[in-house]
Amino acid sequence: MQLPIIHADTGTPIKFIEKSNFETWLSSQESFVKSYVDATRSANSNIIVVPKQNATGLEFVVVTVTDVTDMWNAGDLAKQLPKGQYTLDVNEDSLLGYALSFVLGAYQFAVYKSLPAIESKIAITNEETFNKVKQQAEAIYLVRDLVNMPAADMMPQHLAETMEELAARFDGQFSQIIGDELLEQNYPTIHMVGRASDNKPRLLDLVWGDENAPKLTLVGKGVCFDSGGLDLKPAAGMRNMKKDMGGAAHVIGLAQMIMAANLPVRLRVLVPAVENAVSRNAFRPGDVIKTRKGITVEIDNTDAEGRLVLCDALAEAQTENPDLLIDFATLTGACRIALGTELPGFYSTDQAIASDIMAQGLQNQDPVWQLPLFDQYKALFKSDVADIANCGSTPFGGSITAALYLKEFVEPATTPWLHFDVMAYNIRPLPGRPVGGEGLGLRATFDYLASRYK
């Protein structure tokens, strides 16, 4: 859908007034405004649309808020305001966040259903701010669209088309390894997880930027649907598994932000894309697989498949010794139990980077929370027949043991590594964040990267 934003300097002003200051503000207004507001204000609405006194059109809009520093104050306005062009009457430091929340609140997934058009839009005068809002909103819209798409229309081949189009748009290179080619080129775990599906497993690979620039590699879990495999999920657990490629959606959206902003990096994006299906050739509990890195893994549970496809991709990413390696994955319910669905957890082998990203998230209201790589829990995925098992012997600390499993496939001594365990989905409506697919931690990560690579 088209973004409700325009590069212009005219529009009806939207004023944000804290409730504690509202009466003071109102007392300073001319008599017409006082009378109109007194006559029309409602306890059930925080929005007052004030018309011009002697002409058609609107004079301004007043929005009463609890905290004027909260960027999400504008998050519901696009769907609440009458048709028209508006400006945000906020200070320059707040403009980017307010404008972004307005645009994100206008998002609708209308691929299969006709929805009323959004007829309000925001005008932004400053070109730099306009471009930042546009770039970030487009990327988050893309993440939401990818996650919201039904699995039948978002299988590995469809993810491949998305990444190929992105590479063409920004003059990058795209390649993919498909089906049995994965075995020939030594990506055995990606093949194993995806081989039961009619939709062939793939490793998708996008490269962009100056080859002499610092190497930044992103890896995203692309399980396009997760039945649980032979350890079949119950119906309730399977219902929203179209979102299990949310990690892939995140790195694709983050890559779009990076390329649109032309950050000076050599970007590589790796997405192991599979469907975890059930068939006569599905992998089994008790199977042992030798991974790309040479580590043997005993399959304790076929529903712990995300870490299996990621481990081969992480091993490949490490071959280039990137300056920074980041993965995103909808990996564990345990992280959601610990932090809820709206606060992404992450792990890091570099404390300075972790602290900086947490600070960026708090600053731009896209919070992320660091969890510990507690090495003592490595013993929990010990195997009697292989080097390691693919999940812990206890459900306790499940997000930590999953992160520790992935850590076995990276080289933190040479490459800083970040692992994000995200929900990728809003289960309740919030201002600017409708129910459905969501990009979590993307703005925090991008802002960190923009400060690291200048």
Protein backbone atom coordinates (compact mmCIF):
# COMPACT_ATOMS: atom_id res chain seq x y z
CA MET A 1 0.00 0.00 0.00
CA GLN A 2 1.08 3.58 -0.56
CA LEU A 3 2.53 5.31 2.47
CA PRO A 4 0.39 8.17 3.90
CA ILE A 5 3.27 10.62 3.82
CA ILE A 6 4.23 13.48 1.53
CA HIS A 7 7.22 15.80 1.25
CA ALA A 8 5.49 19.17 1.69
CA ASP A 9 5.21 22.05 4.17
CA THR A 10 1.46 22.65 4.38
CA GLY A 11 -1.33 20.88 6.20
CA THR A 12 -3.67 21.05 9.16
CA PRO A 13 -1.56 21.13 12.34
CA ILE A 14 -1.96 18.32 14.86
CA LYS A 15 -1.20 19.52 18.39
CA PHE A 16 -0.38 17.09 21.21
CA ILE A 17 -1.32 18.40 24.65
CA GLU A 18 -0.65 16.53 27.88
CA LYS A 19 -3.84 15.97 29.86
CA SER A 20 -2.31 17.60 32.92
CA ASN A 21 -1.72 20.79 30.89
CA PHE A 22 -4.93 20.77 28.86
CA GLU A 23 -6.93 23.29 30.88
CA THR A 24 -3.99 25.70 30.93
CA TRP A 25 -3.63 25.37 27.18
CA LEU A 26 -7.34 25.82 26.59
CA SER A 27 -7.47 28.97 28.71
CA SER A 28 -4.89 30.58 26.41
CA GLN A 29 -6.98 30.03 23.27
CA GLU A 30 -9.30 32.54 21.60
CA SER A 31 -12.97 32.48 22.54
CA PHE A 32 -14.15 30.54 19.47
CA VAL A 33 -11.75 27.68 20.17
CA LYS A 34 -12.70 27.63 23.87
CA SER A 35 -16.39 27.50 23.07
CA TYR A 36 -16.00 24.87 20.34
CA VAL A 37 -13.81 22.61 22.46
CA ASP A 38 -16.12 22.89 25.47
CA ALA A 39 -19.12 22.02 23.29
CA THR A 40 -17.57 19.06 21.47
CA ARG A 41 -15.04 17.45 23.80
CA SER A 42 -15.90 13.95 24.90
CA ALA A 43 -14.65 11.79 27.71
CA ASN A 44 -14.57 8.88 25.23
CA SER A 45 -12.19 10.51 22.76
CA ASN A 46 -8.79 12.12 23.01
CA ILE A 47 -9.13 13.82 19.59
CA ILE A 48 -10.76 17.21 18.97
CA VAL A 49 -11.03 18.42 15.38
CA VAL A 50 -11.37 22.23 15.38
CA PRO A 51 -12.85 23.85 12.23
CA LYS A 52 -11.97 27.28 10.89
CA GLN A 53 -14.24 29.94 12.31
CA ASN A 54 -15.18 31.78 9.12
CA ALA A 55 -14.12 29.41 6.36
CA THR A 56 -14.34 25.81 5.28
CA GLY A 57 -11.68 23.39 6.41
CA LEU A 58 -9.91 22.65 9.66
CA GLU A 59 -8.01 25.06 11.89
CA PHE A 60 -6.13 22.36 13.81
CA VAL A 61 -6.49 19.02 15.57
CA VAL A 62 -5.90 18.58 19.30
CA VAL A 63 -4.83 15.21 20.69
CA THR A 64 -4.72 14.86 24.45
CA VAL A 65 -2.00 12.51 25.66
CA THR A 66 -0.56 11.21 28.90
CA ASP A 67 3.10 11.74 27.96
CA VAL A 68 4.07 14.01 25.09
CA THR A 69 7.43 12.20 24.67
CA ASP A 70 5.70 8.97 23.58
CA MET A 71 6.08 8.66 19.80
CA TRP A 72 3.13 6.24 19.64
CA ASN A 73 0.73 9.11 20.46
CA ALA A 74 0.28 9.45 16.69
CA GLY A 75 -0.07 5.72 16.08
CA ASP A 76 -3.87 5.56 15.68
CA LEU A 77 -4.44 8.90 13.96
CA ALA A 78 -4.18 7.81 10.32
CA LYS A 79 -7.32 5.69 10.70
CA GLN A 80 -9.17 8.21 12.91
CA LEU A 81 -8.73 11.56 11.18
CA PRO A 82 -10.91 12.82 8.33
CA LYS A 83 -9.54 12.96 4.81
CA GLY A 84 -6.86 15.59 4.51
CA GLN A 85 -3.21 16.60 4.73
CA TYR A 86 -1.76 17.23 8.17
CA THR A 87 1.43 18.41 9.84
CA LEU A 88 2.77 17.34 13.23
CA ASP A 89 3.17 20.20 15.68
CA VAL A 90 6.04 18.66 17.67
CA ASN A 91 9.68 19.57 18.22
CA GLU A 92 12.32 18.41 15.73
CA ASP A 93 13.67 15.75 18.08
CA SER A 94 10.25 14.09 18.21
CA LEU A 95 9.24 14.52 14.57
CA LEU A 96 10.81 11.33 13.19
CA GLY A 97 9.20 9.10 15.82
CA TYR A 98 5.78 10.76 15.63
CA ALA A 99 5.72 10.67 11.82
CA LEU A 100 6.84 7.06 11.76
CA SER A 101 4.16 6.01 14.24
CA PHE A 102 1.50 7.80 12.17
CA VAL A 103 2.60 5.95 9.02
CA LEU A 104 2.95 2.58 10.75
CA GLY A 105 -0.55 2.98 12.17
CA ALA A 106 -1.93 3.28 8.65
CA TYR A 107 -0.73 -0.21 7.71
CA GLN A 108 -3.35 -2.64 6.43
CA PHE A 109 -2.96 -6.15 5.05
CA ALA A 110 -5.43 -6.01 2.19
CA VAL A 111 -4.15 -8.75 -0.13
CA TYR A 112 -7.23 -10.95 0.29
CA LYS A 113 -9.82 -8.51 1.63
CA SER A 114 -11.03 -5.05 0.60
CA LEU A 115 -10.52 -2.50 3.36
CA PRO A 116 -11.46 1.20 3.54
CA ALA A 117 -8.75 3.41 2.10
CA ILE A 118 -6.67 5.55 4.43
CA GLU A 119 -7.40 9.13 3.35
CA SER A 120 -5.29 11.13 5.79
CA LYS A 121 -1.60 11.79 5.26
CA ILE A 122 1.26 13.57 6.95
CA ALA A 123 3.29 16.33 5.31
CA ILE A 124 6.96 16.60 6.30
CA THR A 125 9.02 19.62 5.31
CA ASN A 126 12.51 18.39 6.16
CA GLU A 127 13.76 16.17 3.33
CA GLU A 128 16.14 14.14 5.52
CA THR A 129 13.38 13.34 8.01
CA PHE A 130 10.97 12.53 5.20
CA ASN A 131 13.45 10.08 3.67
CA LYS A 132 14.17 8.39 7.02
CA VAL A 133 10.49 7.91 7.76
CA LYS A 134 9.83 6.59 4.27
CA GLN A 135 12.76 4.16 4.33
CA GLN A 136 11.99 2.75 7.76
CA ALA A 137 8.23 2.52 7.19
CA GLU A 138 8.65 0.78 3.84
CA ALA A 139 10.95 -1.80 5.43
CA ILE A 140 8.60 -2.47 8.35
CA TYR A 141 5.62 -2.70 5.96
CA LEU A 142 7.61 -5.32 4.04
CA VAL A 143 8.28 -7.33 7.20
CA ARG A 144 4.60 -7.21 8.14
CA ASP A 145 3.49 -8.23 4.65
CA LEU A 146 5.87 -11.20 4.56
CA VAL A 147 4.79 -12.48 7.98
CA ASN A 148 1.08 -11.90 7.33
CA MET A 149 1.07 -13.77 4.03
CA PRO A 150 -0.53 -17.23 4.27
CA ALA A 151 2.04 -20.01 4.10
CA ALA A 152 0.71 -21.32 0.78
CA ASP A 153 1.76 -18.02 -0.78
CA MET A 154 4.97 -17.55 1.21
CA MET A 155 7.00 -20.71 0.74
CA PRO A 156 10.79 -20.87 0.13
CA GLN A 157 10.38 -20.04 -3.56
CA HIS A 158 8.34 -16.93 -2.68
CA LEU A 159 10.97 -15.74 -0.19
CA ALA A 160 13.50 -16.25 -2.98
CA GLU A 161 11.47 -14.01 -5.30
CA THR A 162 11.32 -11.29 -2.64
CA MET A 163 15.08 -11.33 -2.09
CA GLU A 164 15.80 -11.45 -5.82
CA GLU A 165 13.58 -8.39 -6.38
CA LEU A 166 15.32 -6.59 -3.51
CA ALA A 167 18.74 -7.35 -4.97
CA ALA A 168 17.66 -6.05 -8.37
CA ARG A 169 16.18 -2.87 -6.85
CA PHE A 170 19.41 -1.96 -5.05
CA ASP A 171 21.91 -3.36 -7.57
CA GLY A 172 22.95 -6.32 -5.44
CA GLN A 173 23.56 -9.95 -6.35
CA PHE A 174 21.26 -12.84 -5.49
CA SER A 175 21.86 -16.59 -5.66
CA GLN A 176 20.24 -19.68 -4.20
CA ILE A 177 21.03 -23.33 -3.58
CA ILE A 178 17.96 -25.53 -4.08
CA GLY A 179 16.91 -29.04 -3.08
CA ASP A 180 19.53 -31.76 -3.44
CA GLU A 181 22.12 -29.12 -4.37
CA LEU A 182 22.20 -28.42 -0.64
CA LEU A 183 23.64 -31.91 -0.07
CA GLU A 184 26.12 -31.51 -2.93
CA GLN A 185 27.37 -28.22 -1.46
CA ASN A 186 27.34 -29.43 2.17
CA TYR A 187 24.30 -27.84 3.79
CA PRO A 188 22.92 -31.08 5.27
CA THR A 189 20.75 -29.74 8.08
CA ILE A 190 18.89 -27.28 5.84
CA HIS A 191 18.16 -30.13 3.44
CA MET A 192 17.18 -32.53 6.22
CA VAL A 193 14.57 -30.19 7.73
CA GLY A 194 13.04 -29.23 4.39
CA ARG A 195 13.21 -32.46 2.42
CA ALA A 196 9.72 -33.72 3.38
CA SER A 197 7.99 -30.78 1.71
CA ASP A 198 6.99 -30.45 -1.95
CA ASN A 199 8.38 -26.92 -1.62
CA LYS A 200 12.11 -27.55 -1.99
CA PRO A 201 14.43 -26.27 0.75
CA ARG A 202 16.80 -23.48 -0.24
CA LEU A 203 19.64 -21.35 0.99
CA LEU A 204 19.02 -17.79 -0.22
CA ASP A 205 22.02 -15.48 -0.51
CA LEU A 206 21.97 -11.72 -1.18
CA VAL A 207 25.17 -9.67 -1.44
CA TRP A 208 25.35 -5.87 -1.75
CA GLY A 209 27.84 -3.02 -1.36
CA ASP A 210 31.51 -2.27 -1.81
CA GLU A 211 33.49 -5.50 -1.45
CA ASN A 212 36.21 -3.55 0.38
CA ALA A 213 33.80 -2.19 3.02
CA PRO A 214 33.38 -3.85 6.44
CA LYS A 215 31.50 -7.13 6.14
CA LEU A 216 28.09 -7.20 7.80
CA THR A 217 26.26 -10.52 7.60
CA LEU A 218 22.61 -11.12 8.50
CA VAL A 219 21.07 -14.57 8.91
CA GLY A 220 17.31 -15.14 9.22
CA LYS A 221 15.31 -18.23 10.08
CA GLY A 222 13.08 -18.93 7.10
CA VAL A 223 10.79 -21.76 8.24
CA CYS A 224 7.85 -20.86 6.03
CA PHE A 225 5.52 -23.19 7.90
CA ASP A 226 6.27 -25.34 10.91
CA SER A 227 4.05 -28.36 11.49
CA GLY A 228 6.51 -29.60 14.11
CA GLY A 229 7.50 -32.45 11.81
CA LEU A 230 6.98 -35.95 13.23
CA ASP A 231 6.83 -34.35 16.68
CA LEU A 232 3.64 -32.77 15.41
CA LYS A 233 2.37 -29.59 17.00
CA PRO A 234 -1.19 -29.50 18.40
CA ALA A 235 -3.71 -27.45 16.43
CA ALA A 236 -3.39 -24.37 18.65
CA GLY A 237 0.39 -24.41 18.38
CA MET A 238 0.28 -24.78 14.60
CA ARG A 239 -2.33 -22.11 13.91
CA ASN A 240 0.02 -19.15 13.44
CA MET A 241 3.08 -21.01 12.17
CA LYS A 242 2.99 -19.03 8.95
CA LYS A 243 4.96 -16.54 11.05
CA ASP A 244 7.86 -18.96 11.64
CA MET A 245 9.73 -17.27 8.81
CA GLY A 246 9.60 -14.04 10.83
CA GLY A 247 13.37 -14.08 11.33
CA ALA A 248 13.86 -14.13 7.56
CA ALA A 249 11.36 -11.29 7.22
CA HIS A 250 13.33 -9.29 9.80
CA VAL A 251 16.68 -9.61 8.05
CA ILE A 252 15.08 -8.85 4.67
CA GLY A 253 13.50 -5.71 6.13
CA LEU A 254 16.74 -4.72 7.88
CA ALA A 255 18.65 -5.27 4.65
CA GLN A 256 16.23 -2.96 2.84
CA MET A 257 16.82 -0.27 5.49
CA ILE A 258 20.59 -0.66 5.14
CA MET A 259 20.58 -0.52 1.35
CA ALA A 260 18.09 2.36 1.17
CA ALA A 261 20.28 4.36 3.57
CA ASN A 262 23.38 3.33 1.58
CA LEU A 263 25.36 2.36 4.68
CA PRO A 264 29.05 1.81 3.82
CA VAL A 265 29.10 -1.96 4.37
CA ARG A 266 29.56 -5.14 2.41
CA LEU A 267 26.20 -6.68 3.22
CA ARG A 268 25.42 -10.38 3.01
CA VAL A 269 21.99 -11.82 3.83
CA LEU A 270 21.61 -15.59 4.28
CA VAL A 271 18.16 -17.14 4.64
CA PRO A 272 17.78 -20.92 5.03
CA ALA A 273 14.24 -21.30 3.70
CA VAL A 274 12.29 -24.51 4.35
CA GLU A 275 8.91 -25.96 5.22
CA ASN A 276 8.99 -28.37 8.17
CA ALA A 277 6.46 -30.86 6.84
CA VAL A 278 5.43 -34.47 7.49
CA SER A 279 6.03 -37.11 4.85
CA ARG A 280 7.57 -40.59 4.47
CA ASN A 281 11.04 -39.02 4.19
CA ALA A 282 10.70 -36.61 7.12
CA PHE A 283 13.59 -36.58 9.56
CA ARG A 284 13.00 -38.46 12.81
CA PRO A 285 13.64 -38.16 16.54
CA GLY A 286 16.84 -40.08 17.23
CA ASP A 287 18.40 -39.37 13.83
CA VAL A 288 21.97 -38.02 13.83
CA ILE A 289 23.11 -35.45 11.29
CA LYS A 290 26.61 -34.20 10.54
CA THR A 291 26.34 -30.42 10.08
CA ARG A 292 28.23 -28.17 7.68
CA LYS A 293 30.69 -27.32 10.44
CA GLY A 294 31.34 -31.01 11.12
CA ILE A 295 29.53 -31.11 14.48
CA THR A 296 27.24 -34.13 14.80
CA VAL A 297 23.76 -33.45 16.18
CA GLU A 298 21.27 -35.92 17.60
CA ILE A 299 17.66 -35.01 16.84
CA ASP A 300 15.83 -35.01 20.14
CA ASN A 301 12.77 -33.19 18.80
CA THR A 302 11.84 -32.42 15.19
CA ASP A 303 9.99 -29.31 16.38
CA ALA A 304 13.33 -27.73 17.31
CA GLU A 305 14.08 -27.29 13.62
CA GLY A 306 14.88 -23.59 13.45
CA ARG A 307 18.25 -23.95 15.11
CA LEU A 308 19.04 -26.79 12.69
CA VAL A 309 18.57 -24.70 9.55
CA LEU A 310 20.32 -21.74 11.17
CA CYS A 311 23.43 -23.68 12.19
CA ASP A 312 24.47 -24.44 8.60
CA ALA A 313 23.81 -20.84 7.55
CA LEU A 314 25.80 -19.48 10.51
CA ALA A 315 28.69 -21.79 9.67
CA GLU A 316 28.67 -20.46 6.11
CA ALA A 317 28.46 -16.86 7.31
CA GLN A 318 31.51 -17.40 9.48
CA THR A 319 33.69 -18.45 6.51
CA GLU A 320 34.10 -14.81 5.48
CA ASN A 321 35.06 -13.61 8.98
CA PRO A 322 32.54 -10.76 8.91
CA ASP A 323 33.02 -7.65 11.00
CA LEU A 324 29.62 -8.35 12.61
CA LEU A 325 27.21 -11.30 12.42
CA ILE A 326 23.54 -10.92 13.39
CA ASP A 327 20.75 -13.46 13.22
CA PHE A 328 17.02 -13.08 13.79
CA ALA A 329 14.72 -16.01 14.50
CA THR A 330 11.29 -16.85 15.87
CA LEU A 331 13.16 -19.47 17.82
CA THR A 332 11.61 -20.29 21.19
CA GLY A 333 8.39 -19.98 23.12
CA ALA A 334 10.62 -19.85 26.18
CA CYS A 335 11.71 -16.31 25.27
CA ARG A 336 8.06 -15.26 25.02
CA ILE A 337 7.37 -16.80 28.44
CA ALA A 338 10.27 -14.81 29.90
CA LEU A 339 9.72 -11.45 28.20
CA GLY A 340 6.26 -11.55 26.67
CA THR A 341 5.50 -11.07 22.99
CA GLU A 342 6.36 -7.37 22.67
CA LEU A 343 9.91 -7.26 24.05
CA PRO A 344 12.48 -9.14 21.92
CA GLY A 345 15.24 -10.94 23.74
CA PHE A 346 18.75 -11.05 22.32
CA TYR A 347 22.13 -12.57 23.08
CA SER A 348 25.56 -11.17 22.33
CA THR A 349 29.17 -12.24 22.50
CA ASP A 350 30.21 -8.58 22.69
CA GLN A 351 28.95 -6.67 25.73
CA ALA A 352 29.76 -3.22 24.32
CA ILE A 353 27.61 -3.87 21.24
CA ALA A 354 24.81 -5.29 23.38
CA SER A 355 24.79 -2.24 25.63
CA ASP A 356 24.77 0.13 22.66
CA ILE A 357 21.83 -1.63 21.00
CA MET A 358 19.82 -1.64 24.22
CA ALA A 359 20.50 2.08 24.60
CA GLN A 360 19.41 2.74 21.01
CA GLY A 361 16.22 0.77 21.57
CA LEU A 362 15.31 2.77 24.65
CA GLN A 363 16.10 6.03 22.86
CA ASN A 364 13.91 5.35 19.82
CA GLN A 365 11.17 3.39 21.65
CA ASP A 366 12.02 0.08 20.01
CA PRO A 367 13.22 -1.75 23.14
CA VAL A 368 15.22 -4.98 23.16
CA TRP A 369 16.47 -6.88 26.18
CA GLN A 370 19.73 -8.78 26.60
CA LEU A 371 19.60 -12.32 27.96
CA PRO A 372 22.64 -14.27 29.20
CA LEU A 373 24.72 -16.82 27.32
CA PHE A 374 25.00 -18.89 30.49
CA ASP A 375 27.59 -21.52 29.54
CA GLN A 376 26.72 -23.77 32.46
CA TYR A 377 23.57 -24.77 30.56
CA LYS A 378 25.58 -26.31 27.69
CA ALA A 379 25.46 -29.57 29.61
CA LEU A 380 21.69 -29.64 29.09
CA PHE A 381 22.00 -30.52 25.39
CA LYS A 382 24.56 -33.25 25.88
CA SER A 383 24.06 -36.36 23.71
CA ASP A 384 25.26 -39.91 24.33
CA VAL A 385 25.58 -40.68 20.61
CA ALA A 386 26.56 -37.35 19.00
CA ASP A 387 28.50 -34.21 19.81
CA ILE A 388 25.33 -32.39 20.92
CA ALA A 389 21.55 -32.74 20.84
CA ASN A 390 19.31 -30.23 19.12
CA CYS A 391 17.45 -29.24 22.30
CA GLY A 392 17.87 -29.31 26.04
CA SER A 393 16.95 -32.15 28.35
CA THR A 394 14.64 -29.81 30.29
CA PRO A 395 12.23 -27.05 29.20
CA PHE A 396 13.78 -24.66 31.69
CA GLY A 397 16.04 -22.00 30.16
CA GLY A 398 14.88 -22.99 26.68
CA SER A 399 15.80 -19.72 24.99
CA ILE A 400 19.28 -19.79 26.55
CA THR A 401 19.98 -23.38 25.52
CA ALA A 402 18.83 -22.59 21.96
CA ALA A 403 21.21 -19.62 21.85
CA LEU A 404 24.04 -21.74 23.25
CA TYR A 405 23.36 -24.34 20.55
CA LEU A 406 23.75 -21.67 17.86
CA LYS A 407 26.88 -20.33 19.53
CA GLU A 408 28.55 -23.69 18.80
CA PHE A 409 28.50 -22.74 15.12
CA VAL A 410 30.05 -19.27 15.29
CA GLU A 411 33.52 -18.06 16.21
CA PRO A 412 32.99 -15.31 18.79
CA ALA A 413 36.75 -14.91 19.24
CA THR A 414 36.98 -13.49 15.71
CA THR A 415 33.44 -12.26 14.97
CA PRO A 416 31.02 -10.44 17.29
CA TRP A 417 27.68 -12.26 17.12
CA LEU A 418 24.14 -11.18 18.02
CA HIS A 419 21.16 -13.52 18.15
CA PHE A 420 17.61 -12.09 18.35
CA ASP A 421 14.79 -14.35 19.51
CA VAL A 422 11.66 -12.48 18.35
CA MET A 423 7.90 -13.01 18.23
CA ALA A 424 7.47 -11.19 14.88
CA TYR A 425 3.75 -10.87 15.60
CA ASN A 426 1.43 -8.57 17.54
CA ILE A 427 -1.21 -10.51 19.44
CA ARG A 428 -3.05 -7.35 20.54
CA PRO A 429 -3.57 -3.98 18.83
CA LEU A 430 -1.37 -1.15 20.03
CA PRO A 431 -1.07 2.39 18.62
CA GLY A 432 0.87 2.12 15.37
CA ARG A 433 1.11 -1.66 15.74
CA PRO A 434 -1.94 -3.57 14.48
CA VAL A 435 -2.50 -7.27 15.17
CA GLY A 436 -0.37 -9.40 12.87
CA GLY A 437 3.18 -9.46 11.57
CA GLU A 438 5.59 -7.02 13.17
CA GLY A 439 9.21 -5.90 12.93
CA LEU A 440 10.63 -5.92 16.45
CA GLY A 441 14.07 -4.57 17.31
CA LEU A 442 14.71 -3.50 13.72
CA ARG A 443 14.94 0.22 14.37
CA ALA A 444 17.17 -0.32 17.40
CA THR A 445 19.49 -2.52 15.35
CA PHE A 446 19.50 -0.23 12.32
CA ASP A 447 20.27 2.86 14.41
CA TYR A 448 23.16 1.01 16.02
CA LEU A 449 24.47 -0.04 12.60
CA ALA A 450 24.10 3.51 11.25
CA SER A 451 26.22 4.78 14.15
CA ARG A 452 28.80 1.99 13.77
CA TYR A 453 29.20 2.33 9.99
CA LYS A 454 29.35 5.99 8.99
